[in-house]
PDB file of N, CA and C in Angstrom:
ATOM      1  N   MET A   1     308.187-165.002-128.528  1.00  0.00           N
ATOM      2  CA  MET A   1     309.627-165.653-129.215  1.00  0.00           C
ATOM      3  C   MET A   1     310.649-166.076-129.175  1.00  0.00           C
ATOM      4  N   ASP A   2     310.843-165.211-127.261  1.00  0.00           N
ATOM      5  CA  ASP A   2     312.464-165.930-125.343  1.00  0.00           C
ATOM      6  C   ASP A   2     311.628-167.129-125.458  1.00  0.00           C
ATOM      7  N   ALA A   3     309.910-167.207-125.740  1.00  0.00           N
ATOM      8  CA  ALA A   3     308.981-168.488-124.524  1.00  0.00           C
ATOM      9  C   ALA A   3     309.510-169.765-125.198  1.00  0.00           C
ATOM     10  N   THR A   4     309.025-170.460-126.630  1.00  0.00           N
ATOM     11  CA  THR A   4     309.593-170.711-127.554  1.00  0.00           C
ATOM     12  C   THR A   4     310.762-171.756-127.171  1.00  0.00           C
ATOM     13  N   ALA A   5     311.578-170.066-127.757  1.00  0.00           N
ATOM     14  CA  ALA A   5     313.212-170.649-127.312  1.00  0.00           C
ATOM     15  C   ALA A   5     314.229-171.409-126.148  1.00  0.00           C
ATOM     16  N   CYS A   6     313.452-171.213-124.780  1.00  0.00           N
ATOM     17  CA  CYS A   6     313.539-171.550-123.646  1.00  0.00           C
ATOM     18  C   CYS A   6     313.366-173.434-123.465  1.00  0.00           C
ATOM     19  N   ARG A   7     311.668-172.819-124.513  1.00  0.00           N
ATOM     20  CA  ARG A   7     311.560-174.268-124.938  1.00  0.00           C
ATOM     21  C   ARG A   7     312.596-175.100-124.517  1.00  0.00           C
ATOM     22  N   VAL A   8     312.282-175.028-126.391  1.00  0.00           N
ATOM     23  CA  VAL A   8     313.576-175.514-127.077  1.00  0.00           C
ATOM     24  C   VAL A   8     314.757-176.545-126.282  1.00  0.00           C
ATOM     25  N   SER A   9     315.511-175.460-125.532  1.00  0.00           N
ATOM     26  CA  SER A   9     316.559-174.963-124.937  1.00  0.00           C
ATOM     27  C   SER A   9     316.367-176.505-124.078  1.00  0.00           C
ATOM     28  N   SER A  10     315.375-175.885-122.907  1.00  0.00           N
ATOM     29  CA  SER A  10     314.684-176.570-121.763  1.00  0.00           C
ATOM     30  C   SER A  10     314.633-178.024-122.411  1.00  0.00           C
ATOM     31  N   GLY A  11     313.625-178.398-123.104  1.00  0.00           N
ATOM     32  CA  GLY A  11     313.433-180.265-124.219  1.00  0.00           C
ATOM     33  C   GLY A  11     314.847-180.698-123.970  1.00  0.00           C
ATOM     34  N   GLY A  12     315.337-179.645-124.959  1.00  0.00           N
ATOM     35  CA  GLY A  12     317.423-180.079-125.266  1.00  0.00           C
ATOM     36  C   GLY A  12     318.156-180.720-124.433  1.00  0.00           C
ATOM     37  N   ALA A  13     317.213-180.543-123.133  1.00  0.00           N
ATOM     38  CA  ALA A  13     318.668-180.304-121.641  1.00  0.00           C
ATOM     39  C   ALA A  13     318.206-181.374-121.276  1.00  0.00           C
ATOM     40  N   HIS A  14     316.712-181.291-120.964  1.00  0.00           N
ATOM     41  CA  HIS A  14     316.534-182.722-120.152  1.00  0.00           C
ATOM     42  C   HIS A  14     316.432-184.126-120.909  1.00  0.00           C
ATOM     43  N   SER A  15     316.154-183.120-122.121  1.00  0.00           N
ATOM     44  CA  SER A  15     316.334-185.077-123.419  1.00  0.00           C
ATOM     45  C   SER A  15     317.291-185.948-123.780  1.00  0.00           C
ATOM     46  N   GLY A  16     318.584-184.612-123.296  1.00  0.00           N
ATOM     47  CA  GLY A  16     319.471-185.419-122.997  1.00  0.00           C
ATOM     48  C   GLY A  16     320.746-185.886-121.624  1.00  0.00           C
ATOM     49  N   ALA A  17     319.420-185.761-121.239  1.00  0.00           N
ATOM     50  CA  ALA A  17     319.701-186.434-119.079  1.00  0.00           C
ATOM     51  C   ALA A  17     318.696-187.752-118.848  1.00  0.00           C
ATOM     52  N   ALA A  18     317.477-187.583-119.940  1.00  0.00           N
ATOM     53  CA  ALA A  18     316.623-188.490-119.645  1.00  0.00           C
ATOM     54  C   ALA A  18     317.182-189.363-119.651  1.00  0.00           C
ATOM     55  N   GLN A  19     316.558-190.827-118.655  1.00  0.00           N
ATOM     56  CA  GLN A  19     317.098-192.308-118.068  1.00  0.00           C
ATOM     57  C   GLN A  19     316.300-192.869-118.841  1.00  0.00           C
ATOM     58  N   PRO A  20     314.943-193.165-118.423  1.00  0.00           N
ATOM     59  CA  PRO A  20     314.242-193.738-119.525  1.00  0.00           C
ATOM     60  C   PRO A  20     313.561-193.349-120.429  1.00  0.00           C
ATOM     61  N   MET A  21     313.536-194.895-120.978  1.00  0.00           N
ATOM     62  CA  MET A  21     312.694-194.512-122.481  1.00  0.00           C
ATOM     63  C   MET A  21     311.687-193.366-122.854  1.00  0.00           C
ATOM     64  N   THR A  22     310.782-193.280-121.548  1.00  0.00           N
ATOM     65  CA  THR A  22     309.300-192.517-121.698  1.00  0.00           C
ATOM     66  C   THR A  22     309.807-191.107-121.494  1.00  0.00           C
ATOM     67  N   ALA A  23     310.713-190.615-120.576  1.00  0.00           N
ATOM     68  CA  ALA A  23     310.928-189.522-120.120  1.00  0.00           C
ATOM     69  C   ALA A  23     311.694-188.438-121.327  1.00  0.00           C
ATOM     70  N   LEU A  24     312.298-189.333-122.114  1.00  0.00           N
ATOM     71  CA  LEU A  24     313.050-189.136-123.834  1.00  0.00           C
ATOM     72  C   LEU A  24     311.809-188.171-124.861  1.00  0.00           C
ATOM     73  N   ILE A  25     310.974-189.206-124.619  1.00  0.00           N
ATOM     74  CA  ILE A  25     309.231-188.922-125.537  1.00  0.00           C
ATOM     75  C   ILE A  25     309.540-188.091-125.064  1.00  0.00           C
ATOM     76  N   ALA A  26     308.447-187.925-124.235  1.00  0.00           N
ATOM     77  CA  ALA A  26     308.352-186.734-123.131  1.00  0.00           C
ATOM     78  C   ALA A  26     309.079-185.851-123.707  1.00  0.00           C
ATOM     79  N   PHE A  27     310.147-185.351-123.053  1.00  0.00           N
ATOM     80  CA  PHE A  27     310.983-184.150-123.320  1.00  0.00           C
ATOM     81  C   PHE A  27     311.070-184.049-124.385  1.00  0.00           C
ATOM     82  N   SER A  28     311.522-185.146-125.674  1.00  0.00           N
ATOM     83  CA  SER A  28     311.747-184.575-127.165  1.00  0.00           C
ATOM     84  C   SER A  28     309.628-184.385-127.828  1.00  0.00           C
ATOM     85  N   ALA A  29     309.406-184.199-127.390  1.00  0.00           N
ATOM     86  CA  ALA A  29     307.604-183.966-127.313  1.00  0.00           C
ATOM     87  C   ALA A  29     307.835-182.155-127.476  1.00  0.00           C
ATOM     88  N   PHE A  30     308.137-182.129-126.197  1.00  0.00           N
ATOM     89  CA  PHE A  30     308.056-180.923-125.770  1.00  0.00           C
ATOM     90  C   PHE A  30     308.611-179.813-126.433  1.00  0.00           C
ATOM     91  N   GLU A  31     310.380-180.337-126.395  1.00  0.00           N
ATOM     92  CA  GLU A  31     311.476-179.743-127.585  1.00  0.00           C
ATOM     93  C   GLU A  31     310.227-179.553-129.189  1.00  0.00           C
ATOM     94  N   GLY A  32     310.098-180.154-129.057  1.00  0.00           N
ATOM     95  CA  GLY A  32     309.448-180.119-130.714  1.00  0.00           C
ATOM     96  C   GLY A  32     308.620-178.822-130.689  1.00  0.00           C
ATOM     97  N   LEU A  33     307.562-179.055-129.990  1.00  0.00           N
ATOM     98  CA  LEU A  33     306.135-177.884-129.265  1.00  0.00           C
ATOM     99  C   LEU A  33     307.103-176.227-129.781  1.00  0.00           C
ATOM    100  N   GLY A  34     308.778-177.016-129.049  1.00  0.00           N
ATOM    101  CA  GLY A  34     309.430-175.505-128.934  1.00  0.00           C
ATOM    102  C   GLY A  34     310.214-174.863-130.242  1.00  0.00           C
ATOM    103  N   ALA A  35     309.974-175.991-131.346  1.00  0.00           N
ATOM    104  CA  ALA A  35     310.647-175.470-132.126  1.00  0.00           C
ATOM    105  C   ALA A  35     309.579-175.347-133.142  1.00  0.00           C
ATOM    106  N   GLY A  36     308.349-175.652-133.406  1.00  0.00           N
ATOM    107  CA  GLY A  36     307.174-175.091-134.105  1.00  0.00           C
ATOM    108  C   GLY A  36     306.682-174.537-133.341  1.00  0.00           C
ATOM    109  N   GLY A  37     307.218-173.523-132.321  1.00  0.00           N
ATOM    110  CA  GLY A  37     306.805-172.021-132.051  1.00  0.00           C
ATOM    111  C   GLY A  37     307.839-171.574-133.034  1.00  0.00           C
ATOM    112  N   LEU A  38     308.956-171.761-132.557  1.00  0.00           N
ATOM    113  CA  LEU A  38     310.089-170.688-133.277  1.00  0.00           C
ATOM    114  C   LEU A  38     309.836-170.559-134.693  1.00  0.00           C
ATOM    115  N   ALA A  39     309.625-171.826-135.446  1.00  0.00           N
ATOM    116  CA  ALA A  39     309.301-172.170-136.612  1.00  0.00           C
ATOM    117  C   ALA A  39     307.701-170.716-136.993  1.00  0.00           C
ATOM    118  N   VAL A  40     307.201-170.885-136.509  1.00  0.00           N
ATOM    119  CA  VAL A  40     305.710-170.017-136.728  1.00  0.00           C
ATOM    120  C   VAL A  40     306.447-168.475-136.213  1.00  0.00           C
ATOM    121  N   GLY A  41     307.202-168.049-135.906  1.00  0.00           N
ATOM    122  CA  GLY A  41     306.482-166.981-134.903  1.00  0.00           C
ATOM    123  C   GLY A  41     308.607-166.150-136.054  1.00  0.00           C
ATOM    124  N   ALA A  42     309.395-167.498-136.987  1.00  0.00           N
ATOM    125  CA  ALA A  42     310.362-166.274-137.846  1.00  0.00           C
ATOM    126  C   ALA A  42     309.398-166.034-138.704  1.00  0.00           C
ATOM    127  N   PHE A  43     308.292-166.705-139.402  1.00  0.00           N
ATOM    128  CA  PHE A  43     307.859-167.124-140.703  1.00  0.00           C
ATOM    129  C   PHE A  43     306.947-165.515-140.723  1.00  0.00           C
ATOM    130  N   TRP A  44     306.399-165.466-139.272  1.00  0.00           N
ATOM    131  CA  TRP A  44     305.421-164.729-138.982  1.00  0.00           C
ATOM    132  C   TRP A  44     306.073-163.164-139.136  1.00  0.00           C
ATOM    133  N   LEU A  45     307.649-162.775-137.895  1.00  0.00           N
ATOM    134  CA  LEU A  45     308.537-161.725-137.853  1.00  0.00           C
ATOM    135  C   LEU A  45     308.663-161.423-139.898  1.00  0.00           C
ATOM    136  N   ILE A  46     308.874-162.786-141.061  1.00  0.00           N
ATOM    137  CA  ILE A  46     309.534-161.691-141.924  1.00  0.00           C
ATOM    138  C   ILE A  46     308.516-161.422-142.671  1.00  0.00           C
ATOM    139  N   GLY A  47     307.040-161.900-142.679  1.00  0.00           N
ATOM    140  CA  GLY A  47     306.105-161.695-143.545  1.00  0.00           C
ATOM    141  C   GLY A  47     305.062-160.485-143.282  1.00  0.00           C
ATOM    142  N   ALA A  48     305.521-160.205-141.817  1.00  0.00           N
ATOM    143  CA  ALA A  48     304.837-158.877-140.906  1.00  0.00           C
ATOM    144  C   ALA A  48     304.787-157.089-141.375  1.00  0.00           C
ATOM    145  N   PRO A  49     305.520-157.395-142.034  1.00  0.00           N
ATOM    146  CA  PRO A  49     306.608-156.354-142.380  1.00  0.00           C
ATOM    147  C   PRO A  49     305.744-155.500-143.569  1.00  0.00           C
ATOM    148  N   VAL A  50     305.356-156.918-144.862  1.00  0.00           N
ATOM    149  CA  VAL A  50     305.456-156.431-145.883  1.00  0.00           C
ATOM    150  C   VAL A  50     304.202-156.765-146.163  1.00  0.00           C
ATOM    151  N   PRO A  51     303.382-155.454-146.792  1.00  0.00           N
ATOM    152  CA  PRO A  51     301.949-155.403-147.079  1.00  0.00           C
ATOM    153  C   PRO A  51     301.364-156.940-148.026  1.00  0.00           C
ATOM    154  N   PRO A  52     300.354-156.958-148.499  1.00  0.00           N
ATOM    155  CA  PRO A  52     299.935-158.180-149.692  1.00  0.00           C
ATOM    156  C   PRO A  52     300.683-157.791-150.378  1.00  0.00           C
ATOM    157  N   ALA A  53     299.650-156.074-151.540  1.00  0.00           N
ATOM    158  CA  ALA A  53     300.109-156.257-151.899  1.00  0.00           C
ATOM    159  C   ALA A  53     301.564-155.898-152.740  1.00  0.00           C
ATOM    160  N   ALA A  54     302.578-156.027-151.495  1.00  0.00           N
ATOM    161  CA  ALA A  54     303.520-155.842-152.087  1.00  0.00           C
ATOM    162  C   ALA A  54     304.832-156.894-152.162  1.00  0.00           C
ATOM    163  N   SER A  55     303.978-158.186-151.276  1.00  0.00           N
ATOM    164  CA  SER A  55     304.208-159.070-151.457  1.00  0.00           C
ATOM    165  C   SER A  55     304.158-160.877-152.703  1.00  0.00           C
ATOM    166  N   GLY A  56     302.865-159.877-153.371  1.00  0.00           N
ATOM    167  CA  GLY A  56     302.435-160.750-154.545  1.00  0.00           C
ATOM    168  C   GLY A  56     301.014-162.045-153.557  1.00  0.00           C
ATOM    169  N   ALA A  57     300.501-160.893-152.890  1.00  0.00           N
ATOM    170  CA  ALA A  57     300.286-162.300-152.322  1.00  0.00           C
ATOM    171  C   ALA A  57     298.477-161.546-153.048  1.00  0.00           C
ATOM    172  N   ALA A  58     298.405-160.556-153.002  1.00  0.00           N
ATOM    173  CA  ALA A  58     296.767-159.984-153.270  1.00  0.00           C
ATOM    174  C   ALA A  58     296.614-160.013-154.254  1.00  0.00           C
ATOM    175  N   ALA A  59     297.325-160.696-156.547  1.00  0.00           N
ATOM    176  CA  ALA A  59     297.651-161.326-156.681  1.00  0.00           C
ATOM    177  C   ALA A  59     297.535-162.560-157.011  1.00  0.00           C
ATOM    178  N   ARG A  60     297.618-162.856-156.232  1.00  0.00           N
ATOM    179  CA  ARG A  60     297.279-164.465-155.767  1.00  0.00           C
ATOM    180  C   ARG A  60     296.090-165.107-155.418  1.00  0.00           C
ATOM    181  N   ALA A  61     295.433-164.603-154.585  1.00  0.00           N
ATOM    182  CA  ALA A  61     294.404-164.559-154.412  1.00  0.00           C
ATOM    183  C   ALA A  61     293.565-164.316-154.419  1.00  0.00           C
TER     184      ALA A  61
END
């Protein structure tokens, strides 16, 4: 989680300081990869402690 948070922060800082449009696009993509990692990590952290039977996922499967 720390690496993805650093990726978002670093990408945002570099995007703000980018001069050419290609650098802005590249740093925004880098920031987006970090944000995607944060979203996946958050869902994993929320869902990991709950067993499927308790969450109702076993009934849907």
